[in-house]
PDB file of all heavy atoms in Angstrom:
ATOM      1  N   LYS A   1    -127.503 100.507 126.016  1.00  0.00           N
ATOM      2  CA  LYS A   1    -126.807  99.223 126.193  1.00  0.00           C
ATOM      3  C   LYS A   1    -125.469  99.259 125.466  1.00  0.00           C
ATOM      4  O   LYS A   1    -125.386  99.746 124.348  1.00  0.00           O
ATOM      5  CB  LYS A   1    -127.660  98.071 125.657  1.00  0.00           C
ATOM      6  CG  LYS A   1    -128.955  97.879 126.424  1.00  0.00           C
ATOM      7  CD  LYS A   1    -129.722  96.714 125.869  1.00  0.00           C
ATOM      8  CE  LYS A   1    -131.035  96.470 126.640  1.00  0.00           C
ATOM      9  NZ  LYS A   1    -131.775  95.333 126.099  1.00  0.00           N
ATOM     10  N   THR A   2    -124.468  98.757 126.149  1.00  0.00           N
ATOM     11  CA  THR A   2    -123.137  98.704 125.534  1.00  0.00           C
ATOM     12  C   THR A   2    -122.786  97.265 125.229  1.00  0.00           C
ATOM     13  O   THR A   2    -123.308  96.331 125.823  1.00  0.00           O
ATOM     14  CB  THR A   2    -122.067  99.297 126.466  1.00  0.00           C
ATOM     15  OG1 THR A   2    -122.056  98.538 127.679  1.00  0.00           O
ATOM     16  CG2 THR A   2    -122.358 100.750 126.753  1.00  0.00           C
ATOM     17  N   GLY A   3    -121.863  97.070 124.360  1.00  0.00           N
ATOM     18  CA  GLY A   3    -121.452  95.722 124.005  1.00  0.00           C
ATOM     19  C   GLY A   3    -120.955  95.693 122.579  1.00  0.00           C
ATOM     20  O   GLY A   3    -120.964  96.703 121.875  1.00  0.00           O
ATOM     21  N   THR A   4    -120.557  94.518 122.141  1.00  0.00           N
ATOM     22  CA  THR A   4    -120.061  94.366 120.779  1.00  0.00           C
ATOM     23  C   THR A   4    -120.982  93.446 120.026  1.00  0.00           C
ATOM     24  O   THR A   4    -121.493  92.478 120.563  1.00  0.00           O
ATOM     25  CB  THR A   4    -118.641  93.757 120.777  1.00  0.00           C
ATOM     26  OG1 THR A   4    -118.679  92.505 121.454  1.00  0.00           O
ATOM     27  CG2 THR A   4    -117.653  94.689 121.457  1.00  0.00           C
ATOM     28  N   SER A   5    -121.200  93.753 118.789  1.00  0.00           N
ATOM     29  CA  SER A   5    -122.051  92.914 117.950  1.00  0.00           C
ATOM     30  C   SER A   5    -121.184  92.038 117.084  1.00  0.00           C
ATOM     31  O   SER A   5    -120.069  92.417 116.733  1.00  0.00           O
ATOM     32  CB  SER A   5    -122.942  93.792 117.070  1.00  0.00           C
ATOM     33  OG  SER A   5    -122.144  94.649 116.282  1.00  0.00           O
ATOM     34  N   PRO A   6    -121.646  90.831 116.724  1.00  0.00           N
ATOM     35  CA  PRO A   6    -120.837  89.897 115.933  1.00  0.00           C
ATOM     36  C   PRO A   6    -120.576  90.456 114.559  1.00  0.00           C
ATOM     37  O   PRO A   6    -121.369  91.234 114.029  1.00  0.00           O
ATOM     38  CB  PRO A   6    -121.724  88.643 115.857  1.00  0.00           C
ATOM     39  CG  PRO A   6    -123.116  89.155 116.064  1.00  0.00           C
ATOM     40  CD  PRO A   6    -122.995  90.296 117.002  1.00  0.00           C
ATOM     41  N   PRO A   7    -119.428  90.096 113.947  1.00  0.00           N
ATOM     42  CA  PRO A   7    -119.100  90.596 112.620  1.00  0.00           C
ATOM     43  C   PRO A   7    -120.076  90.080 111.588  1.00  0.00           C
ATOM     44  O   PRO A   7    -120.542  88.957 111.677  1.00  0.00           O
ATOM     45  CB  PRO A   7    -117.688  90.033 112.374  1.00  0.00           C
ATOM     46  CG  PRO A   7    -117.614  88.830 113.243  1.00  0.00           C
ATOM     47  CD  PRO A   7    -118.419  89.180 114.467  1.00  0.00           C
ATOM     48  N   VAL A   8    -120.371  90.902 110.613  1.00  0.00           N
ATOM     49  CA  VAL A   8    -121.281  90.517 109.551  1.00  0.00           C
ATOM     50  C   VAL A   8    -120.470  90.194 108.324  1.00  0.00           C
ATOM     51  O   VAL A   8    -119.770  91.046 107.775  1.00  0.00           O
ATOM     52  CB  VAL A   8    -122.273  91.662 109.235  1.00  0.00           C
ATOM     53  CG1 VAL A   8    -123.198  91.256 108.089  1.00  0.00           C
ATOM     54  CG2 VAL A   8    -123.066  92.017 110.481  1.00  0.00           C
ATOM     55  N   ILE A   9    -120.516  88.927 107.892  1.00  0.00           N
ATOM     56  CA  ILE A   9    -119.762  88.506 106.724  1.00  0.00           C
ATOM     57  C   ILE A   9    -120.385  89.130 105.495  1.00  0.00           C
ATOM     58  O   ILE A   9    -121.580  89.047 105.270  1.00  0.00           O
ATOM     59  CB  ILE A   9    -119.756  86.972 106.608  1.00  0.00           C
ATOM     60  CG1 ILE A   9    -119.095  86.371 107.854  1.00  0.00           C
ATOM     61  CG2 ILE A   9    -119.062  86.520 105.358  1.00  0.00           C
ATOM     62  CD1 ILE A   9    -119.126  84.875 107.876  1.00  0.00           C
ATOM     63  N   GLY A  10    -119.559  89.725 104.674  1.00  0.00           N
ATOM     64  CA  GLY A  10    -120.074  90.322 103.449  1.00  0.00           C
ATOM     65  C   GLY A  10    -120.118  91.837 103.545  1.00  0.00           C
ATOM     66  O   GLY A  10    -120.321  92.520 102.567  1.00  0.00           O
ATOM     67  N   GLY A  11    -119.965  92.366 104.750  1.00  0.00           N
ATOM     68  CA  GLY A  11    -119.845  93.814 104.891  1.00  0.00           C
ATOM     69  C   GLY A  11    -121.165  94.501 105.087  1.00  0.00           C
ATOM     70  O   GLY A  11    -121.825  94.374 106.098  1.00  0.00           O
ATOM     71  N   GLY A  12    -121.648  95.223 104.099  1.00  0.00           N
ATOM     72  CA  GLY A  12    -122.842  96.066 104.257  1.00  0.00           C
ATOM     73  C   GLY A  12    -122.389  97.507 104.311  1.00  0.00           C
ATOM     74  O   GLY A  12    -121.393  97.895 103.729  1.00  0.00           O
ATOM     75  N   SER A  13    -123.076  98.289 105.081  1.00  0.00           N
ATOM     76  CA  SER A  13    -122.714  99.703 105.171  1.00  0.00           C
ATOM     77  C   SER A  13    -121.660  99.955 106.223  1.00  0.00           C
ATOM     78  O   SER A  13    -121.149 101.057 106.345  1.00  0.00           O
ATOM     79  CB  SER A  13    -123.967 100.535 105.489  1.00  0.00           C
ATOM     80  OG  SER A  13    -124.521 100.088 106.721  1.00  0.00           O
ATOM     81  N   SER A  14    -121.333  98.914 107.056  1.00  0.00           N
ATOM     82  CA  SER A  14    -120.345  99.089 108.126  1.00  0.00           C
ATOM     83  C   SER A  14    -118.958  99.257 107.541  1.00  0.00           C
ATOM     84  O   SER A  14    -118.622  98.687 106.512  1.00  0.00           O
ATOM     85  CB  SER A  14    -120.384  97.865 109.054  1.00  0.00           C
ATOM     86  OG  SER A  14    -119.344  97.936 109.986  1.00  0.00           O
ATOM     87  N   GLY A  15    -118.117  99.983 108.280  1.00  0.00           N
ATOM     88  CA  GLY A  15    -116.755 100.185 107.807  1.00  0.00           C
ATOM     89  C   GLY A  15    -115.895  98.951 108.002  1.00  0.00           C
ATOM     90  O   GLY A  15    -114.904  98.763 107.319  1.00  0.00           O
ATOM     91  N   ASN A  16    -116.227  98.104 108.996  1.00  0.00           N
ATOM     92  CA  ASN A  16    -115.472  96.885 109.237  1.00  0.00           C
ATOM     93  C   ASN A  16    -116.115  95.727 108.489  1.00  0.00           C
ATOM     94  O   ASN A  16    -117.170  95.252 108.893  1.00  0.00           O
ATOM     95  CB  ASN A  16    -115.425  96.565 110.740  1.00  0.00           C
ATOM     96  CG  ASN A  16    -114.660  97.616 111.509  1.00  0.00           C
ATOM     97  OD1 ASN A  16    -113.696  98.164 110.999  1.00  0.00           O
ATOM     98  ND2 ASN A  16    -115.101  97.887 112.727  1.00  0.00           N
ATOM     99  N   GLU A  17    -115.509  95.299 107.407  1.00  0.00           N
ATOM    100  CA  GLU A  17    -116.046  94.202 106.615  1.00  0.00           C
ATOM    101  C   GLU A  17    -115.266  92.934 106.905  1.00  0.00           C
ATOM    102  O   GLU A  17    -114.081  92.962 107.205  1.00  0.00           O
ATOM    103  CB  GLU A  17    -115.979  94.555 105.126  1.00  0.00           C
ATOM    104  CG  GLU A  17    -116.822  95.782 104.787  1.00  0.00           C
ATOM    105  CD  GLU A  17    -116.806  96.059 103.303  1.00  0.00           C
ATOM    106  OE1 GLU A  17    -116.033  95.389 102.591  1.00  0.00           O
ATOM    107  OE2 GLU A  17    -117.566  96.936 102.861  1.00  0.00           O
ATOM    108  N   TRP A  18    -115.945  91.806 106.789  1.00  0.00           N
ATOM    109  CA  TRP A  18    -115.353  90.513 107.138  1.00  0.00           C
ATOM    110  C   TRP A  18    -115.527  89.533 105.988  1.00  0.00           C
ATOM    111  O   TRP A  18    -116.388  89.682 105.145  1.00  0.00           O
ATOM    112  CB  TRP A  18    -116.007  89.955 108.401  1.00  0.00           C
ATOM    113  CG  TRP A  18    -115.873  90.873 109.578  1.00  0.00           C
ATOM    114  CD1 TRP A  18    -116.610  91.973 109.852  1.00  0.00           C
ATOM    115  CD2 TRP A  18    -114.915  90.772 110.622  1.00  0.00           C
ATOM    116  NE1 TRP A  18    -116.180  92.580 111.009  1.00  0.00           N
ATOM    117  CE2 TRP A  18    -115.137  91.856 111.504  1.00  0.00           C
ATOM    118  CE3 TRP A  18    -113.884  89.879 110.917  1.00  0.00           C
ATOM    119  CZ2 TRP A  18    -114.383  92.061 112.637  1.00  0.00           C
ATOM    120  CZ3 TRP A  18    -113.119  90.076 112.056  1.00  0.00           C
ATOM    121  CH2 TRP A  18    -113.365  91.161 112.903  1.00  0.00           C
ATOM    122  N   GLU A  19    -114.682  88.493 106.003  1.00  0.00           N
ATOM    123  CA  GLU A  19    -114.773  87.453 104.978  1.00  0.00           C
ATOM    124  C   GLU A  19    -114.377  86.121 105.601  1.00  0.00           C
ATOM    125  O   GLU A  19    -113.752  86.073 106.659  1.00  0.00           O
ATOM    126  CB  GLU A  19    -113.859  87.767 103.794  1.00  0.00           C
ATOM    127  CG  GLU A  19    -112.387  87.754 104.149  1.00  0.00           C
ATOM    128  CD  GLU A  19    -111.507  88.058 102.950  1.00  0.00           C
ATOM    129  OE1 GLU A  19    -112.047  88.429 101.887  1.00  0.00           O
ATOM    130  OE2 GLU A  19    -110.280  87.892 103.072  1.00  0.00           O
ATOM    131  N   SER A  20    -114.742  85.042 104.938  1.00  0.00           N
ATOM    132  CA  SER A  20    -114.432  83.697 105.428  1.00  0.00           C
ATOM    133  C   SER A  20    -113.265  83.131 104.643  1.00  0.00           C
ATOM    134  O   SER A  20    -113.283  83.101 103.412  1.00  0.00           O
ATOM    135  CB  SER A  20    -115.664  82.793 105.272  1.00  0.00           C
ATOM    136  OG  SER A  20    -115.374  81.487 105.709  1.00  0.00           O
ATOM    137  N   ARG A  21    -112.231  82.686 105.374  1.00  0.00           N
ATOM    138  CA  ARG A  21    -111.073  82.067 104.737  1.00  0.00           C
ATOM    139  C   ARG A  21    -111.278  80.573 104.635  1.00  0.00           C
ATOM    140  O   ARG A  21    -112.158  80.010 105.305  1.00  0.00           O
ATOM    141  CB  ARG A  21    -109.806  82.347 105.573  1.00  0.00           C
ATOM    142  CG  ARG A  21    -109.381  83.795 105.636  1.00  0.00           C
ATOM    143  CD  ARG A  21    -109.039  84.356 104.276  1.00  0.00           C
ATOM    144  NE  ARG A  21    -107.846  83.746 103.724  1.00  0.00           N
ATOM    145  CZ  ARG A  21    -106.626  84.286 103.778  1.00  0.00           C
ATOM    146  NH1 ARG A  21    -106.460  85.447 104.383  1.00  0.00           N
ATOM    147  NH2 ARG A  21    -105.592  83.692 103.236  1.00  0.00           N
ATOM    148  N   PRO A  22    -110.481  79.850 103.820  1.00  0.00           N
ATOM    149  CA  PRO A  22    -110.584  78.388 103.763  1.00  0.00           C
ATOM    150  C   PRO A  22    -110.448  77.774 105.144  1.00  0.00           C
ATOM    151  O   PRO A  22    -109.582  78.149 105.922  1.00  0.00           O
ATOM    152  CB  PRO A  22    -109.390  78.004 102.865  1.00  0.00           C
ATOM    153  CG  PRO A  22    -109.172  79.206 102.014  1.00  0.00           C
ATOM    154  CD  PRO A  22    -109.496  80.387 102.895  1.00  0.00           C
ATOM    155  N   GLY A  23    -111.315  76.830 105.475  1.00  0.00           N
ATOM    156  CA  GLY A  23    -111.306  76.214 106.788  1.00  0.00           C
ATOM    157  C   GLY A  23    -112.325  76.821 107.719  1.00  0.00           C
ATOM    158  O   GLY A  23    -112.505  76.379 108.850  1.00  0.00           O
ATOM    159  N   GLY A  24    -113.040  77.870 107.254  1.00  0.00           N
ATOM    160  CA  GLY A  24    -114.102  78.443 108.065  1.00  0.00           C
ATOM    161  C   GLY A  24    -113.686  79.593 108.948  1.00  0.00           C
ATOM    162  O   GLY A  24    -114.509  80.151 109.675  1.00  0.00           O
ATOM    163  N   MET A  25    -112.395  79.989 108.948  1.00  0.00           N
ATOM    164  CA  MET A  25    -111.952  81.080 109.814  1.00  0.00           C
ATOM    165  C   MET A  25    -112.454  82.413 109.266  1.00  0.00           C
ATOM    166  O   MET A  25    -112.291  82.713 108.084  1.00  0.00           O
ATOM    167  CB  MET A  25    -110.424  81.097 109.904  1.00  0.00           C
ATOM    168  CG  MET A  25    -109.880  82.183 110.827  1.00  0.00           C
ATOM    169  SD  MET A  25    -108.087  82.029 111.080  1.00  0.00           S
ATOM    170  CE  MET A  25    -107.493  82.318 109.424  1.00  0.00           C
ATOM    171  N   VAL A  26    -113.089  83.206 110.122  1.00  0.00           N
ATOM    172  CA  VAL A  26    -113.624  84.511 109.721  1.00  0.00           C
ATOM    173  C   VAL A  26    -112.593  85.580 110.068  1.00  0.00           C
ATOM    174  O   VAL A  26    -112.155  85.687 111.217  1.00  0.00           O
ATOM    175  CB  VAL A  26    -114.961  84.802 110.429  1.00  0.00           C
ATOM    176  CG1 VAL A  26    -115.469  86.186 110.051  1.00  0.00           C
ATOM    177  CG2 VAL A  26    -115.987  83.732 110.078  1.00  0.00           C
ATOM    178  N   VAL A  27    -112.183  86.368 109.066  1.00  0.00           N
ATOM    179  CA  VAL A  27    -111.167  87.395 109.277  1.00  0.00           C
ATOM    180  C   VAL A  27    -111.636  88.703 108.652  1.00  0.00           C
ATOM    181  O   VAL A  27    -112.579  88.735 107.859  1.00  0.00           O
ATOM    182  CB  VAL A  27    -109.820  86.969 108.632  1.00  0.00           C
ATOM    183  CG1 VAL A  27    -109.300  85.696 109.275  1.00  0.00           C
ATOM    184  CG2 VAL A  27    -109.996  86.751 107.123  1.00  0.00           C
ATOM    185  N   GLN A  28    -110.964  89.773 109.040  1.00  0.00           N
ATOM    186  CA  GLN A  28    -111.309  91.065 108.461  1.00  0.00           C
ATOM    187  C   GLN A  28    -110.912  91.091 106.991  1.00  0.00           C
ATOM    188  O   GLN A  28    -109.856  90.584 106.606  1.00  0.00           O
ATOM    189  CB  GLN A  28    -110.579  92.180 109.209  1.00  0.00           C
ATOM    190  CG  GLN A  28    -111.094  93.570 108.844  1.00  0.00           C
ATOM    191  CD  GLN A  28    -110.573  94.611 109.807  1.00  0.00           C
ATOM    192  OE1 GLN A  28    -109.840  94.295 110.716  1.00  0.00           O
ATOM    193  NE2 GLN A  28    -110.976  95.848 109.606  1.00  0.00           N
ATOM    194  N   ARG A  29    -111.781  91.684 106.168  1.00  0.00           N
ATOM    195  CA  ARG A  29    -111.542  91.685 104.725  1.00  0.00           C
ATOM    196  C   ARG A  29    -110.240  92.413 104.401  1.00  0.00           C
ATOM    197  O   ARG A  29    -109.893  93.417 105.009  1.00  0.00           O
ATOM    198  CB  ARG A  29    -112.711  92.360 104.008  1.00  0.00           C
ATOM    199  CG  ARG A  29    -112.605  92.292 102.476  1.00  0.00           C
ATOM    200  CD  ARG A  29    -113.822  92.915 101.826  1.00  0.00           C
ATOM    201  NE  ARG A  29    -115.023  92.164 102.165  1.00  0.00           N
ATOM    202  CZ  ARG A  29    -115.408  91.043 101.527  1.00  0.00           C
ATOM    203  NH1 ARG A  29    -114.671  90.565 100.547  1.00  0.00           N
ATOM    204  NH2 ARG A  29    -116.522  90.429 101.884  1.00  0.00           N
ATOM    205  N   ARG A  30    -109.490  91.864 103.442  1.00  0.00           N
ATOM    206  CA  ARG A  30    -108.220  92.455 103.055  1.00  0.00           C
ATOM    207  C   ARG A  30    -108.417  93.875 102.528  1.00  0.00           C
ATOM    208  O   ARG A  30    -109.408  94.170 101.881  1.00  0.00           O
ATOM    209  CB  ARG A  30    -107.547  91.603 101.968  1.00  0.00           C
ATOM    210  CG  ARG A  30    -107.384  90.143 102.359  1.00  0.00           C
ATOM    211  CD  ARG A  30    -106.813  89.359 101.185  1.00  0.00           C
ATOM    212  NE  ARG A  30    -106.867  87.933 101.468  1.00  0.00           N
ATOM    213  CZ  ARG A  30    -107.912  87.168 101.215  1.00  0.00           C
ATOM    214  NH1 ARG A  30    -109.001  87.692 100.690  1.00  0.00           N
ATOM    215  NH2 ARG A  30    -107.879  85.880 101.478  1.00  0.00           N
ATOM    216  N   THR A  31    -107.428  94.676 102.785  1.00  0.00           N
ATOM    217  CA  THR A  31    -107.492  96.057 102.292  1.00  0.00           C
ATOM    218  C   THR A  31    -106.508  96.293 101.156  1.00  0.00           C
ATOM    219  O   THR A  31    -106.394  97.404 100.651  1.00  0.00           O
ATOM    220  CB  THR A  31    -107.160  97.033 103.438  1.00  0.00           C
ATOM    221  OG1 THR A  31    -105.859  96.723 103.951  1.00  0.00           O
ATOM    222  CG2 THR A  31    -108.177  96.924 104.552  1.00  0.00           C
ATOM    223  N   ASP A  32    -105.743  95.225 100.764  1.00  0.00           N
ATOM    224  CA  ASP A  32    -104.721  95.407  99.743  1.00  0.00           C
ATOM    225  C   ASP A  32    -105.157  94.895  98.389  1.00  0.00           C
ATOM    226  O   ASP A  32    -104.349  94.626  97.526  1.00  0.00           O
ATOM    227  CB  ASP A  32    -103.423  94.705 100.155  1.00  0.00           C
ATOM    228  CG  ASP A  32    -103.606  93.195 100.234  1.00  0.00           C
ATOM    229  OD1 ASP A  32    -104.751  92.755 100.370  1.00  0.00           O
ATOM    230  OD2 ASP A  32    -102.588  92.485 100.131  1.00  0.00           O
ATOM    231  N   GLN A  33    -106.479  94.716  98.172  1.00  0.00           N
ATOM    232  CA  GLN A  33    -106.930  94.203  96.896  1.00  0.00           C
ATOM    233  C   GLN A  33    -108.289  94.817  96.553  1.00  0.00           C
ATOM    234  O   GLN A  33    -109.058  95.179  97.421  1.00  0.00           O
ATOM    235  CB  GLN A  33    -107.021  92.676  96.923  1.00  0.00           C
ATOM    236  CG  GLN A  33    -108.020  92.145  97.931  1.00  0.00           C
ATOM    237  CD  GLN A  33    -108.038  90.629  97.934  1.00  0.00           C
ATOM    238  OE1 GLN A  33    -107.015  89.983  97.877  1.00  0.00           O
ATOM    239  NE2 GLN A  33    -109.207  90.075  97.984  1.00  0.00           N
ATOM    240  N   ASN A  34    -108.539  94.912  95.287  1.00  0.00           N
ATOM    241  CA  ASN A  34    -109.794  95.482  94.819  1.00  0.00           C
ATOM    242  C   ASN A  34    -110.747  94.423  94.301  1.00  0.00           C
ATOM    243  O   ASN A  34    -111.854  94.724  93.893  1.00  0.00           O
ATOM    244  CB  ASN A  34    -109.510  96.507  93.716  1.00  0.00           C
ATOM    245  CG  ASN A  34    -108.685  97.677  94.224  1.00  0.00           C
ATOM    246  OD1 ASN A  34    -108.915  98.130  95.345  1.00  0.00           O
ATOM    247  ND2 ASN A  34    -107.740  98.139  93.425  1.00  0.00           N
ATOM    248  N   SER A  35    -110.310  93.170  94.269  1.00  0.00           N
ATOM    249  CA  SER A  35    -111.165  92.082  93.792  1.00  0.00           C
ATOM    250  C   SER A  35    -110.785  90.814  94.509  1.00  0.00           C
ATOM    251  O   SER A  35    -109.889  90.801  95.347  1.00  0.00           O
ATOM    252  CB  SER A  35    -110.997  91.906  92.275  1.00  0.00           C
ATOM    253  OG  SER A  35    -109.686  91.437  91.993  1.00  0.00           O
ATOM    254  N   ASP A  36    -111.481  89.722  94.179  1.00  0.00           N
ATOM    255  CA  ASP A  36    -111.196  88.439  94.806  1.00  0.00           C
ATOM    256  C   ASP A  36    -109.997  87.748  94.166  1.00  0.00           C
ATOM    257  O   ASP A  36    -109.599  86.680  94.597  1.00  0.00           O
ATOM    258  CB  ASP A  36    -112.417  87.519  94.693  1.00  0.00           C
ATOM    259  CG  ASP A  36    -113.570  88.024  95.549  1.00  0.00           C
ATOM    260  OD1 ASP A  36    -113.276  88.699  96.546  1.00  0.00           O
ATOM    261  OD2 ASP A  36    -114.730  87.745  95.205  1.00  0.00           O
ATOM    262  N   VAL A  37    -109.438  88.330  93.117  1.00  0.00           N
ATOM    263  CA  VAL A  37    -108.283  87.728  92.445  1.00  0.00           C
ATOM    264  C   VAL A  37    -107.027  88.003  93.261  1.00  0.00           C
ATOM    265  O   VAL A  37    -106.710  89.165  93.551  1.00  0.00           O
ATOM    266  CB  VAL A  37    -108.121  88.304  91.030  1.00  0.00           C
ATOM    267  CG1 VAL A  37    -106.915  87.679  90.343  1.00  0.00           C
ATOM    268  CG2 VAL A  37    -109.392  88.058  90.223  1.00  0.00           C
ATOM    269  N   PRO A  38    -106.282  86.955  93.680  1.00  0.00           N
ATOM    270  CA  PRO A  38    -105.077  87.160  94.473  1.00  0.00           C
ATOM    271  C   PRO A  38    -104.037  87.973  93.711  1.00  0.00           C
ATOM    272  O   PRO A  38    -103.920  87.875  92.490  1.00  0.00           O
ATOM    273  CB  PRO A  38    -104.575  85.729  94.726  1.00  0.00           C
ATOM    274  CG  PRO A  38    -105.768  84.860  94.519  1.00  0.00           C
ATOM    275  CD  PRO A  38    -106.573  85.537  93.455  1.00  0.00           C
ATOM    276  N   ARG A  39    -103.275  88.782  94.429  1.00  0.00           N
ATOM    277  CA  ARG A  39    -102.217  89.589  93.830  1.00  0.00           C
ATOM    278  C   ARG A  39    -100.881  88.898  93.980  1.00  0.00           C
ATOM    279  O   ARG A  39    -100.641  88.175  94.935  1.00  0.00           O
ATOM    280  CB  ARG A  39    -102.141  90.952  94.524  1.00  0.00           C
ATOM    281  CG  ARG A  39    -103.351  91.839  94.318  1.00  0.00           C
ATOM    282  CD  ARG A  39    -103.133  93.138  95.056  1.00  0.00           C
ATOM    283  NE  ARG A  39    -101.885  93.768  94.636  1.00  0.00           N
ATOM    284  CZ  ARG A  39    -101.150  94.574  95.393  1.00  0.00           C
ATOM    285  NH1 ARG A  39    -101.527  94.818  96.643  1.00  0.00           N
ATOM    286  NH2 ARG A  39    -100.045  95.123  94.943  1.00  0.00           N
ATOM    287  N   VAL A  40     -99.995  89.127  93.031  1.00  0.00           N
ATOM    288  CA  VAL A  40     -98.621  88.653  93.126  1.00  0.00           C
ATOM    289  C   VAL A  40     -97.770  89.822  93.590  1.00  0.00           C
ATOM    290  O   VAL A  40     -97.771  90.891  92.971  1.00  0.00           O
ATOM    291  CB  VAL A  40     -98.113  88.116  91.772  1.00  0.00           C
ATOM    292  CG1 VAL A  40     -96.628  87.759  91.880  1.00  0.00           C
ATOM    293  CG2 VAL A  40     -98.913  86.896  91.357  1.00  0.00           C
TER     294      VAL A  40
END
């Protein structure tokens, strides 16, 4: 069977990790940070 599976928030062992932004929008996890602390 072919198809796409829904993104899993929080990641796991998959290479594509996702996170929830303010307002409920689900986006791919940032790759420019090592923690949840915003960078300047």
